[in-house]
C-alpha atoms as a PDB file:
ATOM      1  CA  MET A   1     117.663  54.344 123.182  1.00  0.00           C
ATOM      2  CA  ALA A   2     120.853  52.160 121.756  1.00  0.00           C
ATOM      3  CA  VAL A   3     122.060  53.491 118.635  1.00  0.00           C
ATOM      4  CA  ASP A   4     121.216  51.362 115.634  1.00  0.00           C
ATOM      5  CA  PHE A   5     122.305  52.934 112.151  1.00  0.00           C
ATOM      6  CA  THR A   6     118.762  53.072 110.977  1.00  0.00           C
ATOM      7  CA  GLU A   7     116.285  54.172 107.805  1.00  0.00           C
ATOM      8  CA  LYS A   8     115.387  57.593 109.200  1.00  0.00           C
ATOM      9  CA  ALA A   9     119.186  58.696 109.366  1.00  0.00           C
ATOM     10  CA  LYS A  10     119.457  57.462 105.594  1.00  0.00           C
ATOM     11  CA  ARG A  11     116.137  59.288 105.162  1.00  0.00           C
ATOM     12  CA  TYR A  12     117.286  62.386 106.312  1.00  0.00           C
ATOM     13  CA  GLN A  13     120.926  62.231 104.275  1.00  0.00           C
ATOM     14  CA  ALA A  14     118.966  61.463 101.076  1.00  0.00           C
ATOM     15  CA  MET A  15     116.568  64.362 102.065  1.00  0.00           C
ATOM     16  CA  ASP A  16     119.348  66.977 102.180  1.00  0.00           C
ATOM     17  CA  GLU A  17     120.891  66.012  99.072  1.00  0.00           C
ATOM     18  CA  ILE A  18     118.077  66.376  97.599  1.00  0.00           C
ATOM     19  CA  ILE A  19     116.878  69.814  98.925  1.00  0.00           C
ATOM     20  CA  ALA A  20     120.306  70.581  98.382  1.00  0.00           C
ATOM     21  CA  SER A  21     120.428  70.231  94.874  1.00  0.00           C
ATOM     22  CA  GLY A  22     118.746  73.360  94.251  1.00  0.00           C
ATOM     23  CA  ARG A  23     116.189  71.944  92.221  1.00  0.00           C
ATOM     24  CA  LYS A  24     113.397  73.074  94.658  1.00  0.00           C
ATOM     25  CA  PRO A  25     111.393  69.773  93.978  1.00  0.00           C
ATOM     26  CA  ASN A  26     107.945  69.849  96.170  1.00  0.00           C
ATOM     27  CA  TRP A  27     107.016  67.173  98.782  1.00  0.00           C
ATOM     28  CA  LYS A  28     105.462  64.610  95.849  1.00  0.00           C
ATOM     29  CA  GLU A  29     108.411  64.724  93.880  1.00  0.00           C
ATOM     30  CA  ILE A  30     110.924  64.266  97.118  1.00  0.00           C
ATOM     31  CA  ILE A  31     109.197  61.282  98.027  1.00  0.00           C
ATOM     32  CA  ALA A  32     109.173  59.783  94.523  1.00  0.00           C
ATOM     33  CA  GLU A  33     112.716  60.552  94.359  1.00  0.00           C
ATOM     34  CA  LEU A  34     113.721  58.779  97.985  1.00  0.00           C
ATOM     35  CA  GLN A  35     111.677  55.505  96.399  1.00  0.00           C
ATOM     36  CA  ASN A  36     113.053  55.711  92.689  1.00  0.00           C
ATOM     37  CA  LYS A  37     116.613  56.905  93.226  1.00  0.00           C
ATOM     38  CA  TYR A  38     117.468  55.967  97.200  1.00  0.00           C
ATOM     39  CA  GLY A  39     114.882  52.979  97.490  1.00  0.00           C
ATOM     40  CA  ILE A  40     113.416  54.710 100.855  1.00  0.00           C
ATOM     41  CA  LYS A  41     110.011  54.595 100.984  1.00  0.00           C
ATOM     42  CA  THR A  42     108.200  56.984 102.812  1.00  0.00           C
ATOM     43  CA  SER A  43     104.459  58.469 103.455  1.00  0.00           C
ATOM     44  CA  ARG A  44     103.579  62.148 103.065  1.00  0.00           C
ATOM     45  CA  THR A  45     102.882  62.095 107.275  1.00  0.00           C
ATOM     46  CA  SER A  46     106.460  61.265 107.565  1.00  0.00           C
ATOM     47  CA  PHE A  47     107.981  63.569 105.097  1.00  0.00           C
ATOM     48  CA  PHE A  48     106.296  66.189 106.835  1.00  0.00           C
ATOM     49  CA  ARG A  49     107.658  65.138 110.319  1.00  0.00           C
ATOM     50  CA  ASP A  50     111.236  64.405 109.114  1.00  0.00           C
ATOM     51  CA  ILE A  51     111.341  68.203 107.352  1.00  0.00           C
ATOM     52  CA  GLU A  52     110.294  69.331 110.821  1.00  0.00           C
ATOM     53  CA  ASP A  53     112.487  67.119 112.667  1.00  0.00           C
ATOM     54  CA  LEU A  54     115.274  68.490 110.435  1.00  0.00           C
ATOM     55  CA  GLN A  55     114.202  72.426 111.172  1.00  0.00           C
ATOM     56  CA  GLU A  56     114.039  71.943 115.089  1.00  0.00           C
ATOM     57  CA  LYS A  57     116.769  69.813 115.859  1.00  0.00           C
ATOM     58  CA  TYR A  58     119.437  70.533 113.434  1.00  0.00           C
ATOM     59  CA  ASN A  59     118.262  73.943 112.046  1.00  0.00           C
ATOM     60  CA  ALA A  60     118.126  73.022 108.750  1.00  0.00           C
ATOM     61  CA  PRO A  61     117.324  76.616 106.640  1.00  0.00           C
ATOM     62  CA  ILE A  62     114.512  74.570 104.749  1.00  0.00           C
ATOM     63  CA  ASP A  63     111.786  76.768 103.169  1.00  0.00           C
ATOM     64  CA  THR A  64     109.212  76.698 100.103  1.00  0.00           C
ATOM     65  CA  ASP A  65     109.086  78.268  97.083  1.00  0.00           C
ATOM     66  CA  PHE A  66     105.834  80.448  97.133  1.00  0.00           C
ATOM     67  CA  GLU A  67     104.845  79.770  93.416  1.00  0.00           C
ATOM     68  CA  THR A  68     105.883  76.019  93.252  1.00  0.00           C
ATOM     69  CA  ASN A  69     105.526  74.992  96.693  1.00  0.00           C
ATOM     70  CA  GLY A  70     108.925  73.535  96.018  1.00  0.00           C
ATOM     71  CA  TYR A  71     111.875  73.236  99.147  1.00  0.00           C
ATOM     72  CA  PHE A  72     114.933  74.717  99.467  1.00  0.00           C
ATOM     73  CA  TYR A  73     117.582  75.593 101.387  1.00  0.00           C
ATOM     74  CA  THR A  74     117.696  79.669 102.562  1.00  0.00           C
ATOM     75  CA  ASP A  75     121.492  79.092 102.941  1.00  0.00           C
ATOM     76  CA  PRO A  76     123.130  77.574  99.911  1.00  0.00           C
ATOM     77  CA  HIS A  77     126.031  76.464 101.964  1.00  0.00           C
ATOM     78  CA  TYR A  78     124.369  74.702 104.320  1.00  0.00           C
ATOM     79  CA  ARG A  79     124.481  70.925 104.625  1.00  0.00           C
ATOM     80  CA  LEU A  80     123.107  68.402 106.842  1.00  0.00           C
ATOM     81  CA  PRO A  81     126.065  66.806 108.980  1.00  0.00           C
ATOM     82  CA  ARG A  82     126.982  63.393 107.915  1.00  0.00           C
ATOM     83  CA  PHE A  83     125.717  60.620 110.041  1.00  0.00           C
ATOM     84  CA  TYR A  84     126.934  57.062 110.618  1.00  0.00           C
ATOM     85  CA  THR A  85     124.317  55.825 108.083  1.00  0.00           C
ATOM     86  CA  ASP A  86     126.298  53.394 105.771  1.00  0.00           C
ATOM     87  CA  GLU A  87     128.105  49.778 106.223  1.00  0.00           C
ATOM     88  CA  ASN A  88     131.606  51.369 106.285  1.00  0.00           C
ATOM     89  CA  ALA A  89     130.868  54.102 108.843  1.00  0.00           C
ATOM     90  CA  ALA A  90     129.165  51.662 111.179  1.00  0.00           C
ATOM     91  CA  LYS A  91     131.885  49.923 111.505  1.00  0.00           C
ATOM     92  CA  ALA A  92     134.303  52.997 111.463  1.00  0.00           C
ATOM     93  CA  ALA A  93     132.564  54.099 114.564  1.00  0.00           C
ATOM     94  CA  LYS A  94     132.888  50.371 115.834  1.00  0.00           C
ATOM     95  CA  VAL A  95     136.636  50.800 115.654  1.00  0.00           C
ATOM     96  CA  ILE A  96     136.627  54.189 117.503  1.00  0.00           C
ATOM     97  CA  LYS A  97     134.475  52.684 120.112  1.00  0.00           C
ATOM     98  CA  SER A  98     136.953  49.939 120.489  1.00  0.00           C
ATOM     99  CA  LEU A  99     139.715  52.358 120.719  1.00  0.00           C
ATOM    100  CA  MET A 100     138.080  54.539 123.246  1.00  0.00           C
ATOM    101  CA  ASP A 101     137.768  51.780 125.631  1.00  0.00           C
ATOM    102  CA  MET A 102     141.438  51.607 125.968  1.00  0.00           C
ATOM    103  CA  VAL A 103     141.388  55.295 127.149  1.00  0.00           C
ATOM    104  CA  LYS A 104     137.837  54.794 129.449  1.00  0.00           C
ATOM    105  CA  GLY A 105     137.972  56.617 132.888  1.00  0.00           C
ATOM    106  CA  ASN A 106     139.483  59.707 132.017  1.00  0.00           C
ATOM    107  CA  PRO A 107     138.238  62.963 130.382  1.00  0.00           C
ATOM    108  CA  LEU A 108     139.261  62.563 127.729  1.00  0.00           C
ATOM    109  CA  TYR A 109     136.583  59.862 127.008  1.00  0.00           C
ATOM    110  CA  LYS A 110     133.979  62.334 128.197  1.00  0.00           C
ATOM    111  CA  GLU A 111     134.885  64.470 125.584  1.00  0.00           C
ATOM    112  CA  ALA A 112     134.995  61.924 122.917  1.00  0.00           C
ATOM    113  CA  GLN A 113     131.317  60.646 124.090  1.00  0.00           C
ATOM    114  CA  GLU A 114     130.114  64.334 123.750  1.00  0.00           C
ATOM    115  CA  VAL A 115     131.251  64.417 120.430  1.00  0.00           C
ATOM    116  CA  PHE A 116     129.556  61.766 119.324  1.00  0.00           C
ATOM    117  CA  GLU A 117     126.061  62.701 120.956  1.00  0.00           C
ATOM    118  CA  SER A 118     126.745  66.207 119.085  1.00  0.00           C
ATOM    119  CA  LEU A 119     126.235  64.108 115.662  1.00  0.00           C
ATOM    120  CA  SER A 120     123.100  61.992 117.385  1.00  0.00           C
ATOM    121  CA  ILE A 121     120.023  61.207 115.296  1.00  0.00           C
ATOM    122  CA  GLU A 122     117.930  62.091 118.139  1.00  0.00           C
ATOM    123  CA  ASN A 123     119.011  63.598 121.711  1.00  0.00           C
ATOM    124  CA  HIS A 124     121.324  61.865 123.724  1.00  0.00           C
ATOM    125  CA  ASP A 125     121.364  58.951 121.640  1.00  0.00           C
ATOM    126  CA  PHE A 126     124.319  58.710 119.372  1.00  0.00           C
ATOM    127  CA  SER A 127     127.083  58.208 122.417  1.00  0.00           C
ATOM    128  CA  ILE A 128     129.937  55.818 122.705  1.00  0.00           C
ATOM    129  CA  GLU A 129     128.226  54.195 125.730  1.00  0.00           C
ATOM    130  CA  ASN A 130     125.562  53.704 123.334  1.00  0.00           C
ATOM    131  CA  ILE A 131     127.471  51.861 119.939  1.00  0.00           C
ATOM    132  CA  LYS A 132     126.701  47.868 120.480  1.00  0.00           C
ATOM    133  CA  ILE A 133     129.406  45.611 119.294  1.00  0.00           C
ATOM    134  CA  ASN A 134     127.548  42.200 118.710  1.00  0.00           C
ATOM    135  CA  LYS A 135     129.575  39.717 119.560  1.00  0.00           C
ATOM    136  CA  LYS A 136     130.131  38.507 115.444  1.00  0.00           C
ATOM    137  CA  PRO A 137     133.247  37.239 113.866  1.00  0.00           C
ATOM    138  CA  GLU A 138     133.578  40.442 111.624  1.00  0.00           C
ATOM    139  CA  ASN A 139     133.607  42.774 114.583  1.00  0.00           C
ATOM    140  CA  ASP A 140     136.790  41.361 115.807  1.00  0.00           C
ATOM    141  CA  ARG A 141     138.647  41.718 112.508  1.00  0.00           C
ATOM    142  CA  ILE A 142     139.979  45.377 113.713  1.00  0.00           C
ATOM    143  CA  ILE A 143     141.397  45.500 117.315  1.00  0.00           C
ATOM    144  CA  PHE A 144     143.072  47.195 119.513  1.00  0.00           C
ATOM    145  CA  VAL A 145     145.933  45.893 122.298  1.00  0.00           C
ATOM    146  CA  GLY A 146     148.194  47.254 125.089  1.00  0.00           C
ATOM    147  CA  ALA A 147     149.321  46.646 128.687  1.00  0.00           C
ATOM    148  CA  PRO A 148     146.348  46.787 130.959  1.00  0.00           C
ATOM    149  CA  ASN A 149     145.299  50.010 132.390  1.00  0.00           C
ATOM    150  CA  LYS A 150     145.960  50.410 135.901  1.00  0.00           C
ATOM    151  CA  SER A 151     142.943  51.704 138.067  1.00  0.00           C
ATOM    152  CA  ILE A 152     143.657  56.113 138.469  1.00  0.00           C
ATOM    153  CA  PRO A 153     141.040  57.450 141.105  1.00  0.00           C
ATOM    154  CA  ALA A 154     138.736  59.784 139.389  1.00  0.00           C
ATOM    155  CA  GLU A 155     139.576  62.334 141.869  1.00  0.00           C
ATOM    156  CA  THR A 156     143.220  62.178 139.841  1.00  0.00           C
ATOM    157  CA  TRP A 157     141.547  62.681 136.855  1.00  0.00           C
ATOM    158  CA  ARG A 158     139.528  65.735 138.183  1.00  0.00           C
ATOM    159  CA  LEU A 159     142.637  67.535 139.769  1.00  0.00           C
ATOM    160  CA  ILE A 160     145.083  66.646 136.638  1.00  0.00           C
ATOM    161  CA  ASP A 161     142.364  67.811 134.299  1.00  0.00           C
ATOM    162  CA  LYS A 162     141.209  71.241 135.943  1.00  0.00           C
ATOM    163  CA  ALA A 163     145.356  72.154 136.466  1.00  0.00           C
ATOM    164  CA  LEU A 164     146.137  71.392 132.659  1.00  0.00           C
ATOM    165  CA  LYS A 165     142.789  73.708 132.015  1.00  0.00           C
ATOM    166  CA  GLU A 166     143.815  76.708 134.242  1.00  0.00           C
ATOM    167  CA  ASN A 167     147.648  76.062 134.157  1.00  0.00           C
ATOM    168  CA  LEU A 168     147.582  75.117 138.049  1.00  0.00           C
ATOM    169  CA  ILE A 169     150.759  74.574 139.742  1.00  0.00           C
ATOM    170  CA  ILE A 170     149.979  71.014 141.882  1.00  0.00           C
ATOM    171  CA  THR A 171     152.108  69.647 144.533  1.00  0.00           C
ATOM    172  CA  PHE A 172     151.831  65.781 145.352  1.00  0.00           C
ATOM    173  CA  SER A 173     153.803  63.137 146.893  1.00  0.00           C
ATOM    174  CA  TYR A 174     155.430  60.652 144.538  1.00  0.00           C
ATOM    175  CA  GLN A 175     158.259  57.971 144.609  1.00  0.00           C
ATOM    176  CA  SER A 176     160.328  56.845 141.434  1.00  0.00           C
ATOM    177  CA  LEU A 177     161.623  53.583 140.899  1.00  0.00           C
ATOM    178  CA  THR A 178     164.773  54.928 142.108  1.00  0.00           C
ATOM    179  CA  ASP A 179     163.673  56.321 144.910  1.00  0.00           C
ATOM    180  CA  THR A 180     163.458  55.025 148.354  1.00  0.00           C
ATOM    181  CA  LYS A 181     161.289  57.105 149.566  1.00  0.00           C
ATOM    182  CA  PRO A 182     158.324  59.308 148.596  1.00  0.00           C
ATOM    183  CA  SER A 183     158.902  63.172 148.457  1.00  0.00           C
ATOM    184  CA  VAL A 184     157.041  66.138 147.684  1.00  0.00           C
ATOM    185  CA  ARG A 185     156.951  67.205 144.130  1.00  0.00           C
ATOM    186  CA  ARG A 186     155.751  70.735 143.069  1.00  0.00           C
ATOM    187  CA  VAL A 187     155.581  71.035 139.353  1.00  0.00           C
ATOM    188  CA  GLN A 188     153.973  72.768 136.154  1.00  0.00           C
ATOM    189  CA  PRO A 189     151.547  70.258 134.791  1.00  0.00           C
ATOM    190  CA  TRP A 190     152.383  70.537 130.847  1.00  0.00           C
ATOM    191  CA  GLN A 191     150.894  67.537 129.042  1.00  0.00           C
ATOM    192  CA  LEU A 192     149.334  63.882 129.336  1.00  0.00           C
ATOM    193  CA  ILE A 193     150.841  61.082 127.750  1.00  0.00           C
ATOM    194  CA  TYR A 194     149.572  57.580 127.314  1.00  0.00           C
ATOM    195  CA  ASP A 195     152.479  55.451 126.791  1.00  0.00           C
ATOM    196  CA  ASN A 196     152.233  51.044 127.089  1.00  0.00           C
ATOM    197  CA  GLY A 197     149.376  51.272 129.161  1.00  0.00           C
ATOM    198  CA  ASN A 198     150.104  53.664 131.362  1.00  0.00           C
ATOM    199  CA  TRP A 199     149.106  57.535 131.678  1.00  0.00           C
ATOM    200  CA  ASN A 200     151.740  60.271 132.354  1.00  0.00           C
ATOM    201  CA  LEU A 201     152.143  63.523 133.336  1.00  0.00           C
ATOM    202  CA  HIS A 202     154.644  65.667 131.350  1.00  0.00           C
ATOM    203  CA  ALA A 203     155.787  68.304 133.615  1.00  0.00           C
ATOM    204  CA  PHE A 204     158.230  71.118 134.631  1.00  0.00           C
ATOM    205  CA  ASP A 205     159.537  70.576 138.173  1.00  0.00           C
ATOM    206  CA  ILE A 206     159.718  73.748 140.161  1.00  0.00           C
ATOM    207  CA  ILE A 207     162.290  72.168 142.912  1.00  0.00           C
ATOM    208  CA  LYS A 208     164.382  70.033 140.116  1.00  0.00           C
ATOM    209  CA  LYS A 209     164.295  73.045 137.497  1.00  0.00           C
ATOM    210  CA  GLY A 210     163.645  70.420 134.492  1.00  0.00           C
ATOM    211  CA  HIS A 211     161.205  68.715 132.928  1.00  0.00           C
ATOM    212  CA  ARG A 212     160.074  65.252 134.156  1.00  0.00           C
ATOM    213  CA  ARG A 213     157.665  62.561 133.772  1.00  0.00           C
ATOM    214  CA  TYR A 214     155.287  60.991 136.232  1.00  0.00           C
ATOM    215  CA  SER A 215     153.149  58.208 135.991  1.00  0.00           C
ATOM    216  CA  LEU A 216     149.441  58.716 137.536  1.00  0.00           C
ATOM    217  CA  GLY A 217     148.797  55.713 139.502  1.00  0.00           C
ATOM    218  CA  GLU A 218     151.631  56.646 141.548  1.00  0.00           C
ATOM    219  CA  MET A 219     150.789  60.327 142.233  1.00  0.00           C
ATOM    220  CA  LYS A 220     149.310  60.512 145.470  1.00  0.00           C
ATOM    221  CA  ASN A 221     147.769  63.579 147.672  1.00  0.00           C
ATOM    222  CA  ILE A 222     147.359  66.039 144.776  1.00  0.00           C
ATOM    223  CA  LYS A 223     146.696  69.654 145.628  1.00  0.00           C
ATOM    224  CA  LEU A 224     146.217  72.368 143.017  1.00  0.00           C
ATOM    225  CA  THR A 225     147.933  75.707 144.402  1.00  0.00           C
ATOM    226  CA  SER A 226     146.490  79.128 143.352  1.00  0.00           C
ATOM    227  CA  GLU A 227     149.391  79.847 141.731  1.00  0.00           C
ATOM    228  CA  ILE A 228     149.281  80.019 137.617  1.00  0.00           C
ATOM    229  CA  PHE A 229     152.108  79.393 135.082  1.00  0.00           C
ATOM    230  CA  LYS A 230     152.525  80.393 131.981  1.00  0.00           C
ATOM    231  CA  LEU A 231     152.952  77.484 129.392  1.00  0.00           C
ATOM    232  CA  PRO A 232     155.965  77.674 127.263  1.00  0.00           C
ATOM    233  CA  ILE A 233     155.716  77.498 123.586  1.00  0.00           C
ATOM    234  CA  ASP A 234     157.955  74.517 123.768  1.00  0.00           C
ATOM    235  CA  PHE A 235     156.046  72.175 126.096  1.00  0.00           C
ATOM    236  CA  ASP A 236     154.800  69.451 123.834  1.00  0.00           C
ATOM    237  CA  PHE A 237     156.978  66.323 124.674  1.00  0.00           C
ATOM    238  CA  ARG A 238     157.145  65.852 121.112  1.00  0.00           C
ATOM    239  CA  LYS A 239     159.375  68.565 120.120  1.00  0.00           C
ATOM    240  CA  MET A 240     161.325  67.490 122.925  1.00  0.00           C
ATOM    241  CA  THR A 241     162.506  63.604 121.240  1.00  0.00           C
ATOM    242  CA  VAL A 242     161.913  62.043 117.719  1.00  0.00           C
ATOM    243  CA  GLY A 243     161.729  58.250 117.764  1.00  0.00           C
ATOM    244  CA  SER A 244     159.917  55.312 119.247  1.00  0.00           C
ATOM    245  CA  PHE A 245     161.212  54.935 122.689  1.00  0.00           C
ATOM    246  CA  GLY A 246     158.006  56.172 124.854  1.00  0.00           C
ATOM    247  CA  CYS A 247     157.805  59.148 127.128  1.00  0.00           C
ATOM    248  CA  MET A 248     161.153  58.872 128.705  1.00  0.00           C
ATOM    249  CA  CYS A 249     163.678  61.079 127.599  1.00  0.00           C
ATOM    250  CA  HIS A 250     166.807  63.551 129.086  1.00  0.00           C
ATOM    251  CA  ASP A 251     168.349  66.847 128.754  1.00  0.00           C
ATOM    252  CA  PHE A 252     171.267  65.424 126.818  1.00  0.00           C
ATOM    253  CA  TYR A 253     171.166  63.712 123.146  1.00  0.00           C
ATOM    254  CA  LEU A 254     173.609  61.028 122.294  1.00  0.00           C
ATOM    255  CA  ASP A 255     174.701  59.474 119.236  1.00  0.00           C
ATOM    256  CA  PHE A 256     173.755  55.662 118.824  1.00  0.00           C
ATOM    257  CA  LYS A 257     175.049  52.957 116.365  1.00  0.00           C
ATOM    258  CA  ILE A 258     173.443  49.670 117.005  1.00  0.00           C
ATOM    259  CA  HIS A 259     174.441  46.503 114.619  1.00  0.00           C
ATOM    260  CA  LEU A 260     170.982  44.460 114.166  1.00  0.00           C
ATOM    261  CA  HIS A 261     170.208  41.003 112.311  1.00  0.00           C
ATOM    262  CA  GLY A 262     167.504  38.961 111.976  1.00  0.00           C
ATOM    263  CA  TYR A 263     164.134  39.831 113.107  1.00  0.00           C
ATOM    264  CA  ALA A 264     165.264  42.719 114.876  1.00  0.00           C
ATOM    265  CA  ALA A 265     166.872  44.150 111.637  1.00  0.00           C
ATOM    266  CA  ARG A 266     163.575  43.645 109.866  1.00  0.00           C
ATOM    267  CA  PHE A 267     161.800  45.333 112.578  1.00  0.00           C
ATOM    268  CA  ALA A 268     163.918  48.193 112.763  1.00  0.00           C
ATOM    269  CA  LYS A 269     163.722  49.176 108.998  1.00  0.00           C
ATOM    270  CA  ASN A 270     159.966  50.371 109.637  1.00  0.00           C
ATOM    271  CA  ARG A 271     160.504  52.641 112.324  1.00  0.00           C
ATOM    272  CA  LEU A 272     161.944  56.181 112.933  1.00  0.00           C
ATOM    273  CA  TRP A 273     163.912  55.554 115.974  1.00  0.00           C
ATOM    274  CA  GLY A 274     165.597  58.981 116.431  1.00  0.00           C
ATOM    275  CA  LYS A 275     167.333  62.109 114.516  1.00  0.00           C
ATOM    276  CA  ALA A 276     169.229  61.974 111.731  1.00  0.00           C
ATOM    277  CA  GLN A 277     168.764  58.329 111.142  1.00  0.00           C
ATOM    278  CA  THR A 278     170.446  56.151 108.770  1.00  0.00           C
ATOM    279  CA  ILE A 279     170.077  52.533 108.182  1.00  0.00           C
ATOM    280  CA  GLU A 280     173.372  50.670 106.117  1.00  0.00           C
ATOM    281  CA  ALA A 281     174.578  47.185 105.658  1.00  0.00           C
ATOM    282  CA  ASP A 282     177.355  45.708 108.357  1.00  0.00           C
ATOM    283  CA  LYS A 283     179.711  44.802 105.923  1.00  0.00           C
ATOM    284  CA  LYS A 284     182.482  43.942 108.927  1.00  0.00           C
ATOM    285  CA  ASN A 285     179.620  42.020 110.598  1.00  0.00           C
ATOM    286  CA  PRO A 286     176.900  40.641 108.247  1.00  0.00           C
ATOM    287  CA  GLY A 287     175.043  38.128 110.549  1.00  0.00           C
ATOM    288  CA  PRO A 288     174.447  34.358 110.674  1.00  0.00           C
ATOM    289  CA  ASP A 289     172.145  34.910 107.652  1.00  0.00           C
ATOM    290  CA  GLY A 290     174.171  37.910 105.781  1.00  0.00           C
ATOM    291  CA  ASP A 291     171.301  40.554 106.930  1.00  0.00           C
ATOM    292  CA  GLY A 292     173.401  42.640 109.350  1.00  0.00           C
ATOM    293  CA  ILE A 293     172.470  46.325 109.636  1.00  0.00           C
ATOM    294  CA  ILE A 294     174.011  49.413 111.866  1.00  0.00           C
ATOM    295  CA  LEU A 295     171.148  51.620 112.761  1.00  0.00           C
ATOM    296  CA  SER A 296     172.452  55.201 113.357  1.00  0.00           C
ATOM    297  CA  PHE A 297     170.642  57.974 114.943  1.00  0.00           C
ATOM    298  CA  ARG A 298     170.420  60.484 117.395  1.00  0.00           C
ATOM    299  CA  SER A 299     168.575  60.419 120.596  1.00  0.00           C
ATOM    300  CA  ASN A 300     167.791  61.581 124.521  1.00  0.00           C
ATOM    301  CA  GLN A 301     166.356  58.246 125.367  1.00  0.00           C
ATOM    302  CA  LEU A 302     169.301  56.491 126.655  1.00  0.00           C
ATOM    303  CA  TYR A 303     167.214  54.591 129.400  1.00  0.00           C
ATOM    304  CA  SER A 304     165.051  53.361 127.345  1.00  0.00           C
ATOM    305  CA  ILE A 305     167.042  52.211 124.480  1.00  0.00           C
ATOM    306  CA  ARG A 306     169.451  50.255 127.052  1.00  0.00           C
ATOM    307  CA  ARG A 307     166.166  48.213 127.266  1.00  0.00           C
ATOM    308  CA  TRP A 308     165.453  48.134 123.900  1.00  0.00           C
ATOM    309  CA  THR A 309     168.565  46.865 122.801  1.00  0.00           C
ATOM    310  CA  TRP A 310     169.082  44.032 125.648  1.00  0.00           C
ATOM    311  CA  GLN A 311     165.753  42.871 124.918  1.00  0.00           C
ATOM    312  CA  TRP A 312     166.599  41.849 121.150  1.00  0.00           C
ATOM    313  CA  ALA A 313     169.350  39.286 123.167  1.00  0.00           C
ATOM    314  CA  ASP A 314     171.939  38.171 120.456  1.00  0.00           C
ATOM    315  CA  GLU A 315     170.474  39.875 117.319  1.00  0.00           C
ATOM    316  CA  ALA A 316     171.544  43.717 118.778  1.00  0.00           C
ATOM    317  CA  ILE A 317     174.896  44.494 119.466  1.00  0.00           C
ATOM    318  CA  PRO A 318     175.920  48.202 120.591  1.00  0.00           C
ATOM    319  CA  LEU A 319     178.436  49.886 119.206  1.00  0.00           C
ATOM    320  CA  SER A 320     178.303  53.594 120.864  1.00  0.00           C
ATOM    321  CA  PRO A 321     177.946  55.781 122.544  1.00  0.00           C
ATOM    322  CA  LYS A 322     180.373  54.066 125.687  1.00  0.00           C
ATOM    323  CA  GLU A 323     177.141  54.605 127.983  1.00  0.00           C
ATOM    324  CA  LEU A 324     175.100  52.071 126.158  1.00  0.00           C
ATOM    325  CA  THR A 325     177.983  49.267 125.028  1.00  0.00           C
ATOM    326  CA  ASP A 326     179.280  49.652 128.692  1.00  0.00           C
ATOM    327  CA  ASP A 327     175.578  48.956 130.226  1.00  0.00           C
ATOM    328  CA  TRP A 328     175.195  46.087 127.396  1.00  0.00           C
ATOM    329  CA  LEU A 329     178.546  44.459 128.609  1.00  0.00           C
ATOM    330  CA  ALA A 330     177.820  44.893 132.391  1.00  0.00           C
ATOM    331  CA  ARG A 331     174.307  43.176 131.513  1.00  0.00           C
ATOM    332  CA  ARG A 332     175.848  40.378 129.913  1.00  0.00           C
ATOM    333  CA  GLU A 333     178.212  39.830 132.747  1.00  0.00           C
ATOM    334  CA  ARG A 334     175.640  39.828 135.527  1.00  0.00           C
ATOM    335  CA  VAL A 335     173.459  37.034 132.981  1.00  0.00           C
ATOM    336  CA  ASN A 336     176.861  35.300 132.815  1.00  0.00           C
ATOM    337  CA  GLN A 337     177.180  34.805 136.397  1.00  0.00           C
ATOM    338  CA  ILE A 338     173.464  33.510 136.973  1.00  0.00           C
ATOM    339  CA  SER A 339     173.625  29.846 137.606  1.00  0.00           C
ATOM    340  CA  ILE A 340     170.684  27.504 136.578  1.00  0.00           C
END
C-alpha cells in the first residue's frame, strides 16, 4: 500500500502524547481528549485496536493502573517514534525522496529505503519507493539538479560495496583520460564520492603508491581479492583537501592568487575555495565596474582550478602560481589561433 500521511498516524502520535503525560487517563478520557484537543474522532473499538497495534508493532510499554484502569507507560522515557504526519513533515519526506532519486540504483539508496521502512506506520508501508509526489505546482518548489548519472552496472555496485564493507583489495581494468590504453589497477578502496553527477572511488593505488580517484563507470572487470587492508585514520578525502573544486586533488599544495570581477567576483565571495582563504579589493586592477577582487587561498587541486579559472573568461585572470598562469596564457594563445 502506498504511503499517505493518514489519520491513523496522527491518532497514534496524539495517543502517545496523552499516555506519556503521566496522568493515567482511562479509555473514555483518552477518546474525549482526542476529540477535544486534537480534533480526532475515534470509536471504542478503534481505540483498543490502536492500543494493541502500539504494543505489538512498536513495543510500546503500555499498561493500565489497577485502581483507575488508566493508561501509562511502564518506561517513563518511552516515546513513539516521530511519524511524518503533518503537512510540513510530508513535504520534507518528498524533498528527501527527490534528493535520493539522484543516487538511485546504488547501495546508499537501498539503505535509505530501509530507514524509511523502519519508520513505517504499518510493516513495509513507508518506503522511498512508495512516497508519491503528485504533479502539483507546490511539489515543484524544491528540486535538485545535476549532471545526468551514467548507468553503472549492478555488479559494480555489489563488488564495490562488499570491498568497502570488508576492506578488501580489488583489481580492475581502467583507462583514464590521459592514458592511451587500459591498464590493470590494484587498489585499497577507501571511499565513494559523488561529484557533479558522477560516482568516483577514492582509493590507494598499491602499484603507484598514492591515493587516486576512479570513475565507477570506467572501471572494468572488477575482481575482489582475499587480501584485507587496514583502513588508515586519514583516509577521508575531505581531510586531504579543503575547497569547492570537486574530487580531483594532488599530493602537493600551491598558493593561488586570482583576480576576479563582475559576476565571478560576486560568486566567489560566497564559497570556500581553499585553505587560508582571503579576499581583498584589487586596487591595481579594479575591473570595468570597480568591483575587482583578489582571491587568495592554498589548495592541492591545480587541474580543477585551471578549468575553473578559464571558464570565467575575461572575468578571471590568474596571478599565481606559475603553473596556473602559464596554463591560462597557453589556452589564450590557442584560442587566438582559432579562425572562424
